[in-house]
């Protein structure tokens, strides 16, 4: 069975955090999408950052997070900003 860490951009630490948040397989990540996966991560760690959102989106697309198109990064930044900071 495929592991999250088999995906591009997902290391062992992020994999463990995702599993803890209920995102335990690549299929689950793809079904939820990067935004919902980040929302779930933030429930356990309100400091989850936009770079993690990029990593999740890149993992879903099968590309390095640095290769995401700028317009996609802009959409992801806007989404992350809409979540507000921890404690707000």
N, C-alpha and C. Protein backbone atom coordinates (compact mmCIF):
# COMPACT_ATOMS: atom_id res chain seq x y z
N UNK A 1 0.83 -1.17 0.00
CA UNK A 1 0.00 0.00 0.00
C UNK A 1 0.89 1.25 0.00
N UNK A 2 0.50 2.23 -0.77
CA UNK A 2 1.27 3.46 -0.87
C UNK A 2 1.18 4.25 0.44
N UNK A 3 2.28 4.91 0.77
CA UNK A 3 2.33 5.75 1.96
C UNK A 3 2.35 7.21 1.52
N UNK A 4 1.92 8.08 2.42
CA UNK A 4 1.97 9.51 2.12
C UNK A 4 3.38 9.95 1.78
N UNK A 5 4.37 9.40 2.49
CA UNK A 5 5.76 9.80 2.26
C UNK A 5 6.29 9.31 0.91
N UNK A 6 5.52 8.49 0.21
CA UNK A 6 5.89 8.11 -1.16
C UNK A 6 5.62 9.25 -2.14
N UNK A 7 4.79 10.19 -1.72
CA UNK A 7 4.43 11.32 -2.58
C UNK A 7 5.50 12.39 -2.56
N UNK A 8 5.57 13.13 -3.65
CA UNK A 8 6.46 14.29 -3.74
C UNK A 8 6.14 15.25 -2.59
N UNK A 9 7.15 15.83 -1.99
CA UNK A 9 7.02 16.88 -0.96
C UNK A 9 6.61 16.41 0.43
N UNK A 10 6.29 15.14 0.61
CA UNK A 10 5.82 14.66 1.91
C UNK A 10 6.92 13.85 2.57
N UNK A 11 7.49 14.42 3.62
CA UNK A 11 8.51 13.72 4.39
C UNK A 11 7.87 13.00 5.57
N UNK A 12 8.70 12.36 6.35
CA UNK A 12 8.20 11.57 7.49
C UNK A 12 7.48 12.43 8.52
N UNK A 13 7.96 13.63 8.78
CA UNK A 13 7.34 14.49 9.80
C UNK A 13 5.96 14.94 9.33
N UNK A 14 5.85 15.44 8.10
CA UNK A 14 4.55 15.86 7.59
C UNK A 14 3.62 14.66 7.48
N UNK A 15 4.15 13.52 7.08
CA UNK A 15 3.33 12.31 7.00
C UNK A 15 2.72 11.99 8.37
N UNK A 16 3.53 12.03 9.41
CA UNK A 16 3.03 11.73 10.76
C UNK A 16 1.96 12.73 11.18
N UNK A 17 2.17 13.98 10.87
CA UNK A 17 1.18 15.01 11.23
C UNK A 17 -0.12 14.80 10.46
N UNK A 18 -0.02 14.44 9.19
CA UNK A 18 -1.22 14.18 8.39
C UNK A 18 -1.99 12.99 8.94
N UNK A 19 -1.28 11.91 9.25
CA UNK A 19 -1.92 10.71 9.80
C UNK A 19 -2.64 11.07 11.10
N UNK A 20 -1.99 11.85 11.93
CA UNK A 20 -2.59 12.29 13.19
C UNK A 20 -3.87 13.10 12.95
N UNK A 21 -3.90 13.82 11.81
CA UNK A 21 -5.06 14.64 11.46
C UNK A 21 -6.13 13.85 10.70
N UNK A 22 -5.90 12.55 10.52
CA UNK A 22 -6.90 11.72 9.85
C UNK A 22 -6.72 11.59 8.36
N UNK A 23 -5.61 12.09 7.84
CA UNK A 23 -5.30 11.98 6.41
C UNK A 23 -4.21 10.92 6.32
N UNK A 24 -4.62 9.66 6.16
CA UNK A 24 -3.66 8.57 6.35
C UNK A 24 -3.21 7.85 5.08
N UNK A 25 -3.75 8.22 3.93
CA UNK A 25 -3.32 7.59 2.68
C UNK A 25 -3.24 8.65 1.57
N UNK A 26 -2.46 8.36 0.52
CA UNK A 26 -2.46 9.28 -0.62
C UNK A 26 -3.86 9.47 -1.21
N UNK A 27 -4.66 8.40 -1.21
CA UNK A 27 -6.01 8.50 -1.75
C UNK A 27 -6.86 9.47 -0.94
N UNK A 28 -6.74 9.40 0.38
CA UNK A 28 -7.48 10.31 1.24
C UNK A 28 -7.05 11.75 0.97
N UNK A 29 -5.75 11.97 0.83
CA UNK A 29 -5.25 13.32 0.54
C UNK A 29 -5.84 13.82 -0.77
N UNK A 30 -5.83 12.99 -1.79
CA UNK A 30 -6.37 13.41 -3.09
C UNK A 30 -7.87 13.69 -3.01
N UNK A 31 -8.60 12.85 -2.28
CA UNK A 31 -10.04 13.06 -2.14
C UNK A 31 -10.36 14.36 -1.40
N UNK A 32 -9.61 14.64 -0.34
CA UNK A 32 -9.86 15.84 0.47
C UNK A 32 -9.39 17.11 -0.23
N UNK A 33 -8.27 17.00 -0.91
CA UNK A 33 -7.64 18.18 -1.51
C UNK A 33 -6.73 18.85 -0.51
N UNK A 34 -5.86 19.69 -1.03
CA UNK A 34 -4.85 20.33 -0.19
C UNK A 34 -5.45 21.27 0.84
N UNK A 35 -6.50 21.98 0.47
CA UNK A 35 -7.09 22.96 1.39
C UNK A 35 -7.70 22.27 2.61
N UNK A 36 -8.52 21.26 2.38
CA UNK A 36 -9.14 20.55 3.51
C UNK A 36 -8.09 19.84 4.35
N UNK A 37 -7.08 19.29 3.71
CA UNK A 37 -6.01 18.63 4.47
C UNK A 37 -5.31 19.64 5.37
N UNK A 38 -5.09 20.86 4.88
CA UNK A 38 -4.45 21.87 5.72
C UNK A 38 -5.37 22.28 6.87
N UNK A 39 -6.65 22.41 6.60
CA UNK A 39 -7.61 22.73 7.68
C UNK A 39 -7.51 21.68 8.78
N UNK A 40 -7.44 20.43 8.40
CA UNK A 40 -7.32 19.34 9.39
C UNK A 40 -6.00 19.41 10.13
N UNK A 41 -4.92 19.73 9.42
CA UNK A 41 -3.63 19.89 10.08
C UNK A 41 -3.69 21.01 11.11
N UNK A 42 -4.35 22.10 10.74
CA UNK A 42 -4.41 23.27 11.63
C UNK A 42 -5.23 23.01 12.89
N UNK A 43 -6.12 22.04 12.84
CA UNK A 43 -6.88 21.70 14.05
C UNK A 43 -5.92 21.19 15.14
N UNK A 44 -4.90 20.46 14.73
CA UNK A 44 -3.91 19.95 15.68
C UNK A 44 -2.75 20.93 15.86
N UNK A 45 -2.43 21.69 14.81
CA UNK A 45 -1.30 22.62 14.84
C UNK A 45 -1.72 23.91 14.15
N UNK A 46 -2.24 24.88 14.92
CA UNK A 46 -2.70 26.14 14.32
C UNK A 46 -1.63 26.91 13.55
N UNK A 47 -0.37 26.53 13.73
CA UNK A 47 0.72 27.19 13.03
C UNK A 47 1.05 26.61 11.66
N UNK A 48 0.26 25.64 11.19
CA UNK A 48 0.52 25.04 9.88
C UNK A 48 0.58 26.16 8.83
N UNK A 49 1.65 26.18 8.06
CA UNK A 49 1.93 27.34 7.21
C UNK A 49 1.59 27.12 5.74
N UNK A 50 1.70 28.22 5.00
CA UNK A 50 1.38 28.19 3.58
C UNK A 50 2.33 27.28 2.82
N UNK A 51 3.57 27.14 3.29
CA UNK A 51 4.52 26.24 2.62
C UNK A 51 4.02 24.79 2.68
N UNK A 52 3.38 24.43 3.79
CA UNK A 52 2.81 23.09 3.89
C UNK A 52 1.65 22.93 2.91
N UNK A 53 0.89 23.99 2.74
CA UNK A 53 -0.21 23.95 1.76
C UNK A 53 0.35 23.75 0.36
N UNK A 54 1.43 24.44 0.02
CA UNK A 54 2.09 24.24 -1.27
C UNK A 54 2.55 22.79 -1.41
N UNK A 55 3.15 22.26 -0.34
CA UNK A 55 3.65 20.88 -0.38
C UNK A 55 2.51 19.90 -0.64
N UNK A 56 1.38 20.11 0.04
CA UNK A 56 0.23 19.23 -0.14
C UNK A 56 -0.30 19.31 -1.56
N UNK A 57 -0.44 20.51 -2.09
CA UNK A 57 -0.93 20.67 -3.46
C UNK A 57 0.03 20.03 -4.46
N UNK A 58 1.32 20.24 -4.26
CA UNK A 58 2.30 19.61 -5.14
C UNK A 58 2.24 18.10 -5.05
N UNK A 59 2.04 17.56 -3.84
CA UNK A 59 1.94 16.11 -3.67
C UNK A 59 0.76 15.56 -4.45
N UNK A 60 -0.36 16.26 -4.40
CA UNK A 60 -1.54 15.82 -5.12
C UNK A 60 -1.29 15.84 -6.63
N UNK A 61 -0.59 16.87 -7.08
CA UNK A 61 -0.30 17.02 -8.52
C UNK A 61 0.89 16.19 -8.98
N UNK A 62 1.67 15.66 -8.02
CA UNK A 62 2.83 14.87 -8.37
C UNK A 62 4.02 15.70 -8.83
N UNK A 63 4.09 16.95 -8.33
CA UNK A 63 5.20 17.83 -8.71
C UNK A 63 5.80 18.46 -7.45
N UNK A 64 7.02 18.97 -7.58
CA UNK A 64 7.65 19.70 -6.48
C UNK A 64 6.82 20.95 -6.19
N UNK A 65 6.74 21.30 -4.93
CA UNK A 65 5.97 22.49 -4.57
C UNK A 65 6.51 23.74 -5.25
N UNK A 66 7.79 23.78 -5.52
CA UNK A 66 8.38 24.95 -6.18
C UNK A 66 7.96 25.04 -7.66
N UNK A 67 7.43 23.97 -8.21
CA UNK A 67 7.01 23.96 -9.61
C UNK A 67 5.53 24.32 -9.79
N UNK A 68 4.84 24.60 -8.69
CA UNK A 68 3.45 25.01 -8.82
C UNK A 68 3.37 26.32 -9.59
N UNK A 69 2.40 26.44 -10.49
CA UNK A 69 2.24 27.71 -11.22
C UNK A 69 1.98 28.86 -10.24
N UNK A 70 2.48 30.03 -10.57
CA UNK A 70 2.33 31.19 -9.68
C UNK A 70 0.87 31.51 -9.38
N UNK A 71 -0.01 31.31 -10.36
CA UNK A 71 -1.43 31.60 -10.10
C UNK A 71 -2.02 30.63 -9.07
N UNK A 72 -1.55 29.39 -9.07
CA UNK A 72 -1.99 28.41 -8.07
C UNK A 72 -1.46 28.82 -6.70
N UNK A 73 -0.19 29.23 -6.64
CA UNK A 73 0.37 29.68 -5.37
C UNK A 73 -0.41 30.88 -4.84
N UNK A 74 -0.80 31.79 -5.72
CA UNK A 74 -1.56 32.97 -5.29
C UNK A 74 -2.90 32.56 -4.71
N UNK A 75 -3.57 31.60 -5.35
CA UNK A 75 -4.86 31.10 -4.82
C UNK A 75 -4.67 30.44 -3.46
N UNK A 76 -3.60 29.66 -3.33
CA UNK A 76 -3.34 28.98 -2.07
C UNK A 76 -2.98 29.98 -0.97
N UNK A 77 -2.21 31.01 -1.31
CA UNK A 77 -1.88 32.06 -0.33
C UNK A 77 -3.15 32.75 0.15
N UNK A 78 -4.05 33.07 -0.78
CA UNK A 78 -5.30 33.74 -0.42
C UNK A 78 -6.14 32.84 0.49
N UNK A 79 -6.18 31.56 0.18
CA UNK A 79 -6.93 30.62 1.04
C UNK A 79 -6.31 30.59 2.43
N UNK A 80 -4.99 30.45 2.50
CA UNK A 80 -4.30 30.38 3.79
C UNK A 80 -4.57 31.64 4.60
N UNK A 81 -4.50 32.79 3.94
CA UNK A 81 -4.74 34.06 4.62
C UNK A 81 -6.17 34.13 5.14
N UNK A 82 -7.12 33.55 4.39
CA UNK A 82 -8.53 33.58 4.80
C UNK A 82 -8.78 32.78 6.08
N UNK A 83 -7.88 31.86 6.39
CA UNK A 83 -8.03 31.06 7.60
C UNK A 83 -7.68 31.85 8.84
N UNK A 84 -6.95 32.94 8.68
CA UNK A 84 -6.54 33.75 9.81
C UNK A 84 -5.41 33.09 10.57
N UNK A 85 -4.88 33.83 11.49
CA UNK A 85 -3.78 33.32 12.32
C UNK A 85 -4.35 32.64 13.55
N UNK A 86 -3.53 31.82 14.13
CA UNK A 86 -3.92 31.11 15.36
C UNK A 86 -4.34 32.12 16.41
N UNK A 87 -5.47 31.87 17.04
CA UNK A 87 -5.93 32.70 18.14
C UNK A 87 -6.74 33.91 17.71
N UNK A 88 -6.90 34.11 16.41
CA UNK A 88 -7.70 35.25 15.94
C UNK A 88 -9.16 34.95 15.96
